[in-house]
């Protein structure tokens, strides 16, 4: 458990050079990153002393939403149920930095949407190259020194100087049309109950799993996705790779990364005594692996303006259907 800092500058005593990420972000994976919101919560929960995998039943219920797959997220109600963590939206009525400084002084991490253009950890992708919205969790802030410590993607980072100025628009001329970012604060209700045991956390997680299973799509989402993919391939052929990457992020990468985490979650349950889940965990991992391979194949076909077979989606649909039945039979249809 990380030690708290009783000051206005930071909450947890962390440095980027010595920070140890959660095993999800250090083990060999199909998808190094999931999405910005999930990745930042994995590291924030990990640093607060909690096991983020316990809160991953949400990975089982994603659907195809017509033009994209569900942008999967930790369920805020689950975070409260498991860890007594309450998340509230913050109204921005004064300079953003003043809000952040005050919330940090109250030991509340701040989740805020910022521009990757000025986040040095995105070097090679967005840093000083492209304006890309992303979510970070701020752990420390020193306005006078122009320094910030934050969770983002797979780890913990620090920035300062010009990046700090640009990130918070300190040198930019104020533009009334500029919209303030979406901001959340993280409140730990540790005074409401005693520290939960590992067994209690597993039991709570299984209860959340059962709730999530009742929300699984009635229609196999891969069947719906294949129907749309066939249409999308007509206009994707010959398009530039930037457009393809946007398409892939909303589709193949979205469900691929999600089902990889679903496999991680079921494997965690197996390690904590749940039986009859090995095949389900393997099936979700297969979907993840197939999505990764198909993404590369699709990228090549788009770049060359050629057609590509979609039968692999049928295989994913079959794996999903079998796994759904396994989980429902085990936890719901008793």
Protein backbone atom coordinates (compact mmCIF):
# COMPACT_ATOMS: atom_id res chain seq x y z
CA UNK A 1 0.00 0.00 0.00
CA UNK A 2 1.42 3.37 -0.93
CA UNK A 3 1.95 5.92 1.80
CA UNK A 4 -0.23 9.05 1.78
CA UNK A 5 1.22 12.55 1.62
CA UNK A 6 -0.42 15.14 3.83
CA UNK A 7 0.19 18.16 1.65
CA UNK A 8 -1.43 20.14 -1.13
CA UNK A 9 1.03 18.81 -3.72
CA UNK A 10 0.27 15.10 -3.81
CA UNK A 11 -1.64 12.11 -2.51
CA UNK A 12 0.57 9.04 -3.00
CA UNK A 13 4.34 9.04 -2.73
CA UNK A 14 5.19 7.99 -6.26
CA UNK A 15 7.93 8.71 -8.76
CA UNK A 16 7.82 7.83 -12.42
CA UNK A 17 11.30 6.30 -12.32
CA UNK A 18 10.47 3.75 -9.60
CA UNK A 19 6.78 3.10 -10.20
CA UNK A 20 5.78 -0.56 -10.61
CA UNK A 21 2.67 -0.98 -12.82
CA UNK A 22 0.01 -3.62 -12.25
CA UNK A 23 0.77 -7.04 -13.75
CA UNK A 24 -1.88 -6.46 -16.43
CA UNK A 25 0.42 -3.80 -17.87
CA UNK A 26 3.64 -5.77 -17.48
CA UNK A 27 2.66 -9.24 -18.70
CA UNK A 28 2.78 -10.17 -22.37
CA UNK A 29 -0.57 -9.24 -23.88
CA UNK A 30 -2.37 -9.16 -27.22
CA UNK A 31 -3.36 -5.52 -26.66
CA UNK A 32 -0.78 -3.45 -24.78
CA UNK A 33 -3.44 -0.84 -24.06
CA UNK A 34 -7.22 -1.09 -23.74
CA UNK A 35 -8.77 2.37 -23.61
CA UNK A 36 -7.61 5.41 -21.68
CA UNK A 37 -10.33 5.22 -19.01
CA UNK A 38 -9.86 1.54 -18.17
CA UNK A 39 -6.06 1.69 -18.19
CA UNK A 40 -5.92 4.71 -15.91
CA UNK A 41 -8.28 3.05 -13.41
CA UNK A 42 -6.20 -0.15 -13.41
CA UNK A 43 -3.15 1.79 -12.26
CA UNK A 44 -5.01 4.10 -9.88
CA UNK A 45 -6.72 1.21 -8.08
CA UNK A 46 -3.46 -0.72 -8.02
CA UNK A 47 -1.63 2.22 -6.41
CA UNK A 48 -4.38 2.72 -3.84
CA UNK A 49 -3.85 -0.87 -2.71
CA UNK A 50 -6.79 -2.58 -4.46
CA UNK A 51 -7.01 -5.42 -6.97
CA UNK A 52 -8.55 -3.88 -10.14
CA UNK A 53 -9.28 -7.29 -11.69
CA UNK A 54 -12.05 -7.84 -9.14
CA UNK A 55 -13.99 -4.97 -10.74
CA UNK A 56 -13.89 -6.40 -14.28
CA UNK A 57 -17.24 -8.17 -14.65
CA UNK A 58 -18.14 -5.26 -16.96
CA UNK A 59 -16.00 -6.89 -19.66
CA UNK A 60 -18.59 -9.62 -20.17
CA UNK A 61 -21.49 -7.46 -21.26
CA UNK A 62 -20.26 -5.40 -24.20
CA UNK A 63 -22.31 -5.23 -27.39
CA UNK A 64 -22.03 -4.04 -30.97
CA UNK A 65 -23.65 -0.60 -31.01
CA UNK A 66 -24.29 -0.30 -34.76
CA UNK A 67 -21.22 1.71 -35.75
CA UNK A 68 -18.85 0.65 -32.97
CA UNK A 69 -18.45 -1.73 -30.04
CA UNK A 70 -19.30 -0.63 -26.52
CA UNK A 71 -16.66 1.70 -25.08
CA UNK A 72 -16.18 -0.49 -22.04
CA UNK A 73 -15.49 1.07 -18.64
CA UNK A 74 -15.23 0.23 -14.98
CA UNK A 75 -18.71 0.58 -13.51
CA UNK A 76 -18.66 3.31 -10.88
CA UNK A 77 -21.26 1.51 -8.79
CA UNK A 78 -18.98 -1.55 -8.78
CA UNK A 79 -16.06 0.53 -7.50
CA UNK A 80 -18.17 1.66 -4.56
CA UNK A 81 -19.42 -1.86 -3.90
CA UNK A 82 -15.95 -3.39 -3.93
CA UNK A 83 -13.67 -0.68 -2.60
CA UNK A 84 -15.91 2.01 -1.05
CA UNK A 85 -14.71 4.40 -3.76
CA UNK A 86 -17.14 7.11 -4.78
CA UNK A 87 -16.69 8.96 -8.06
CA UNK A 88 -18.33 12.32 -8.64
CA UNK A 89 -18.32 14.72 -11.57
CA UNK A 90 -16.69 18.06 -10.76
CA UNK A 91 -18.30 21.28 -11.95
CA UNK A 92 -15.67 23.64 -13.37
CA UNK A 93 -16.59 27.19 -12.37
CA UNK A 94 -13.11 28.60 -11.74
CA UNK A 95 -9.69 27.93 -13.32
CA UNK A 96 -9.17 24.19 -13.72
CA UNK A 97 -5.83 24.20 -11.90
CA UNK A 98 -7.43 25.71 -8.80
CA UNK A 99 -9.97 22.90 -8.70
CA UNK A 100 -7.27 20.27 -9.17
CA UNK A 101 -5.07 21.76 -6.45
CA UNK A 102 -7.91 21.86 -3.94
CA UNK A 103 -9.08 18.31 -4.64
CA UNK A 104 -5.54 16.95 -4.41
CA UNK A 105 -5.18 18.69 -1.03
CA UNK A 106 -8.25 16.72 0.09
CA UNK A 107 -6.54 13.45 -1.00
CA UNK A 108 -8.87 13.01 -3.96
CA UNK A 109 -7.28 11.92 -7.26
CA UNK A 110 -8.65 13.92 -10.18
CA UNK A 111 -9.61 12.25 -13.46
CA UNK A 112 -9.56 14.81 -16.25
CA UNK A 113 -9.67 14.81 -20.03
CA UNK A 114 -6.50 16.39 -21.41
CA UNK A 115 -4.70 16.79 -24.74
CA UNK A 116 -2.15 14.07 -25.55
CA UNK A 117 -0.28 16.63 -27.62
CA UNK A 118 1.35 17.79 -24.37
CA UNK A 119 1.66 14.48 -22.51
CA UNK A 120 5.29 13.32 -22.90
CA UNK A 121 4.40 9.68 -22.24
CA UNK A 122 2.66 9.61 -25.65
CA UNK A 123 5.89 10.37 -27.51
CA UNK A 124 5.91 8.68 -30.90
CA UNK A 125 2.12 8.68 -31.21
CA UNK A 126 0.53 11.99 -30.18
CA UNK A 127 3.08 14.03 -28.20
CA UNK A 128 3.79 17.22 -30.19
CA UNK A 129 2.18 15.53 -33.19
CA UNK A 130 -1.60 15.42 -32.80
CA UNK A 131 -4.40 16.72 -30.60
CA UNK A 132 -5.94 13.61 -29.05
CA UNK A 133 -8.31 13.66 -26.08
CA UNK A 134 -7.43 11.25 -23.31
CA UNK A 135 -8.13 10.70 -19.61
CA UNK A 136 -5.46 10.92 -16.94
CA UNK A 137 -5.66 10.59 -13.16
CA UNK A 138 -3.72 13.33 -11.42
CA UNK A 139 -1.96 12.32 -8.21
CA UNK A 140 0.21 15.39 -7.58
CA UNK A 141 0.25 19.00 -8.71
CA UNK A 142 2.64 21.86 -7.99
CA UNK A 143 1.43 24.97 -9.76
CA UNK A 144 4.35 27.19 -8.78
CA UNK A 145 6.94 24.65 -9.92
CA UNK A 146 4.80 23.72 -12.94
CA UNK A 147 4.95 19.99 -12.21
CA UNK A 148 2.35 17.24 -12.35
CA UNK A 149 2.36 13.52 -11.52
CA UNK A 150 -0.31 11.45 -13.24
CA UNK A 151 -1.52 7.99 -14.17
CA UNK A 152 -2.02 7.39 -17.87
CA UNK A 153 -2.15 4.34 -20.10
CA UNK A 154 0.10 1.65 -18.63
CA UNK A 155 1.98 3.50 -15.89
CA UNK A 156 2.69 6.62 -13.83
CA UNK A 157 4.36 9.68 -15.32
CA UNK A 158 5.52 13.20 -14.55
CA UNK A 159 5.65 16.36 -16.64
CA UNK A 160 6.77 19.94 -16.13
CA UNK A 161 7.68 23.23 -17.76
CA UNK A 162 6.31 24.05 -21.21
CA UNK A 163 4.20 20.89 -21.28
CA UNK A 164 2.50 22.05 -18.08
CA UNK A 165 1.88 25.51 -19.56
CA UNK A 166 0.39 24.18 -22.78
CA UNK A 167 -1.61 21.43 -21.10
CA UNK A 168 -3.46 23.93 -18.92
CA UNK A 169 -3.41 26.74 -21.51
CA UNK A 170 -1.44 29.08 -19.23
CA UNK A 171 0.21 30.86 -22.17
CA UNK A 172 -2.69 30.66 -24.60
CA UNK A 173 -4.97 33.59 -25.14
CA UNK A 174 -8.28 32.83 -23.42
CA UNK A 175 -10.94 31.74 -25.88
CA UNK A 176 -14.52 31.92 -24.64
CA UNK A 177 -15.50 29.18 -27.08
CA UNK A 178 -13.12 26.76 -25.35
CA UNK A 179 -15.06 24.06 -23.50
CA UNK A 180 -13.80 22.93 -20.12
CA UNK A 181 -12.88 19.23 -19.90
CA UNK A 182 -14.91 16.54 -18.20
CA UNK A 183 -13.54 16.08 -14.67
CA UNK A 184 -14.20 13.48 -11.97
CA UNK A 185 -12.95 13.25 -8.41
CA UNK A 186 -12.23 10.02 -6.53
CA UNK A 187 -13.40 9.91 -2.90
CA UNK A 188 -12.34 7.00 -0.69
CA UNK A 189 -14.95 6.14 1.91
CA UNK A 190 -12.52 4.17 4.06
CA UNK A 191 -14.19 5.31 7.27
CA UNK A 192 -17.42 3.50 6.44
CA UNK A 193 -16.22 -0.03 6.89
CA UNK A 194 -13.22 -2.09 7.85
CA UNK A 195 -10.68 -3.32 5.31
CA UNK A 196 -12.26 -6.06 3.21
CA UNK A 197 -10.63 -9.48 3.09
CA UNK A 198 -9.63 -11.11 -0.18
CA UNK A 199 -12.41 -13.69 0.27
CA UNK A 200 -14.99 -10.92 0.75
CA UNK A 201 -13.76 -9.14 -2.38
CA UNK A 202 -14.03 -12.32 -4.46
CA UNK A 203 -17.56 -12.96 -3.18
CA UNK A 204 -18.60 -9.39 -3.99
CA UNK A 205 -17.03 -9.66 -7.43
CA UNK A 206 -18.99 -12.84 -8.21
CA UNK A 207 -22.20 -11.06 -7.21
CA UNK A 208 -21.33 -8.27 -9.64
CA UNK A 209 -20.56 -10.90 -12.28
CA UNK A 210 -24.05 -12.34 -11.89
CA UNK A 211 -25.57 -8.89 -12.32
CA UNK A 212 -23.52 -8.29 -15.45
CA UNK A 213 -24.55 -11.61 -16.99
CA UNK A 214 -28.19 -10.51 -16.90
CA UNK A 215 -27.16 -7.61 -19.16
CA UNK A 216 -25.43 -9.69 -21.83
CA UNK A 217 -26.74 -9.02 -25.36
CA UNK A 218 -29.68 -11.18 -26.38
CA UNK A 219 -28.51 -11.20 -30.01
CA UNK A 220 -24.98 -12.40 -30.69
CA UNK A 221 -23.06 -9.11 -31.25
CA UNK A 222 -20.63 -10.73 -33.67
CA UNK A 223 -23.47 -11.57 -36.03
CA UNK A 224 -24.51 -7.92 -36.05
CA UNK A 225 -20.91 -6.79 -36.42
CA UNK A 226 -20.31 -9.02 -39.43
CA UNK A 227 -23.34 -7.61 -41.20
CA UNK A 228 -22.01 -4.06 -40.72
CA UNK A 229 -18.42 -5.04 -41.50
CA UNK A 230 -19.43 -6.33 -44.93
CA UNK A 231 -20.88 -2.90 -45.71
CA UNK A 232 -17.95 -1.04 -44.16
CA UNK A 233 -15.40 -2.91 -46.26
CA UNK A 234 -16.83 -1.30 -49.39
CA UNK A 235 -15.85 2.21 -48.33
CA UNK A 236 -12.78 1.27 -46.29
CA UNK A 237 -10.90 -0.11 -49.31
CA UNK A 238 -8.26 2.33 -50.44
CA UNK A 239 -8.75 4.74 -47.55
CA UNK A 240 -5.69 6.07 -45.69
CA UNK A 241 -4.40 4.28 -42.60
CA UNK A 242 -5.39 7.11 -40.24
CA UNK A 243 -9.05 6.45 -41.01
CA UNK A 244 -8.50 2.71 -40.69
CA UNK A 245 -6.92 3.14 -37.25
CA UNK A 246 -9.95 5.12 -36.10
CA UNK A 247 -12.24 2.42 -37.42
CA UNK A 248 -10.17 -0.34 -35.85
CA UNK A 249 -10.06 1.39 -32.48
CA UNK A 250 -13.85 1.51 -32.38
CA UNK A 251 -14.30 -2.08 -33.52
CA UNK A 252 -11.58 -4.77 -33.54
CA UNK A 253 -9.36 -3.22 -30.92
CA UNK A 254 -12.31 -2.32 -28.72
CA UNK A 255 -13.80 -5.79 -28.42
CA UNK A 256 -10.42 -7.54 -28.70
CA UNK A 257 -8.96 -5.68 -25.73
CA UNK A 258 -12.17 -6.09 -23.76
CA UNK A 259 -12.36 -9.86 -24.18
CA UNK A 260 -8.68 -10.18 -23.30
CA UNK A 261 -9.52 -8.50 -19.98
CA UNK A 262 -12.54 -10.79 -19.66
CA UNK A 263 -10.17 -13.73 -19.92
CA UNK A 264 -7.90 -12.16 -17.29
CA UNK A 265 -10.92 -11.73 -15.02
CA UNK A 266 -12.13 -15.32 -15.37
CA UNK A 267 -8.58 -16.60 -14.83
CA UNK A 268 -8.44 -14.56 -11.62
CA UNK A 269 -11.68 -16.19 -10.46
CA UNK A 270 -10.23 -19.64 -11.24
CA UNK A 271 -7.22 -18.84 -9.06
CA UNK A 272 -9.61 -17.96 -6.25
CA UNK A 273 -11.54 -21.22 -6.30
CA UNK A 274 -14.11 -20.88 -9.09
CA UNK A 275 -14.31 -24.02 -11.21
CA UNK A 276 -15.64 -24.80 -14.70
CA UNK A 277 -14.33 -21.51 -16.10
CA UNK A 278 -11.18 -22.64 -17.91
CA UNK A 279 -12.84 -23.09 -21.29
CA UNK A 280 -14.66 -19.77 -21.00
CA UNK A 281 -11.38 -17.99 -20.22
CA UNK A 282 -9.70 -19.72 -23.17
CA UNK A 283 -12.55 -18.78 -25.52
CA UNK A 284 -12.33 -15.09 -24.64
CA UNK A 285 -8.56 -15.20 -25.09
CA UNK A 286 -9.03 -16.77 -28.52
CA UNK A 287 -11.40 -13.97 -29.54
CA UNK A 288 -8.76 -11.45 -28.46
CA UNK A 289 -6.01 -13.20 -30.43
CA UNK A 290 -8.16 -13.59 -33.54
CA UNK A 291 -9.14 -9.92 -33.43
CA UNK A 292 -5.49 -8.88 -33.26
CA UNK A 293 -4.52 -11.04 -36.25
CA UNK A 294 -7.54 -9.93 -38.26
CA UNK A 295 -6.74 -6.29 -37.55
CA UNK A 296 -3.35 -6.68 -39.24
CA UNK A 297 -4.88 -8.54 -42.17
CA UNK A 298 -7.58 -5.92 -42.58
CA UNK A 299 -5.03 -3.09 -42.48
CA UNK A 300 -3.11 -4.69 -45.36
CA UNK A 301 -6.24 -5.27 -47.42
CA UNK A 302 -7.43 -1.69 -46.90
CA UNK A 303 -4.03 -0.27 -47.87
CA UNK A 304 -3.99 -2.38 -51.04
CA UNK A 305 -7.63 -1.79 -51.88
CA UNK A 306 -8.34 -5.52 -51.82
CA UNK A 307 -11.20 -7.55 -50.39
CA UNK A 308 -10.88 -9.74 -47.31
CA UNK A 309 -12.84 -12.72 -46.04
CA UNK A 310 -15.04 -12.25 -42.97
CA UNK A 311 -15.47 -15.89 -41.94
CA UNK A 312 -13.25 -15.32 -38.90
CA UNK A 313 -16.08 -13.28 -37.40
CA UNK A 314 -18.27 -16.39 -37.58
CA UNK A 315 -15.69 -18.24 -35.48
CA UNK A 316 -15.72 -15.43 -32.92
CA UNK A 317 -19.51 -15.55 -32.86
CA UNK A 318 -19.43 -19.26 -32.10
CA UNK A 319 -16.91 -18.81 -29.28
CA UNK A 320 -18.96 -15.99 -27.79
CA UNK A 321 -22.18 -18.03 -27.92
CA UNK A 322 -20.61 -21.05 -26.25
CA UNK A 323 -19.06 -18.91 -23.53
CA UNK A 324 -22.31 -17.09 -22.86
CA UNK A 325 -24.09 -20.42 -22.36
CA UNK A 326 -21.34 -21.66 -20.04
CA UNK A 327 -21.51 -18.58 -17.83
CA UNK A 328 -25.30 -18.40 -17.77
CA UNK A 329 -25.59 -22.09 -16.92
CA UNK A 330 -23.09 -21.75 -14.10
CA UNK A 331 -24.32 -18.56 -12.48
CA UNK A 332 -27.87 -17.81 -13.67
CA UNK A 333 -29.74 -20.86 -15.00
CA UNK A 334 -29.34 -23.04 -11.94
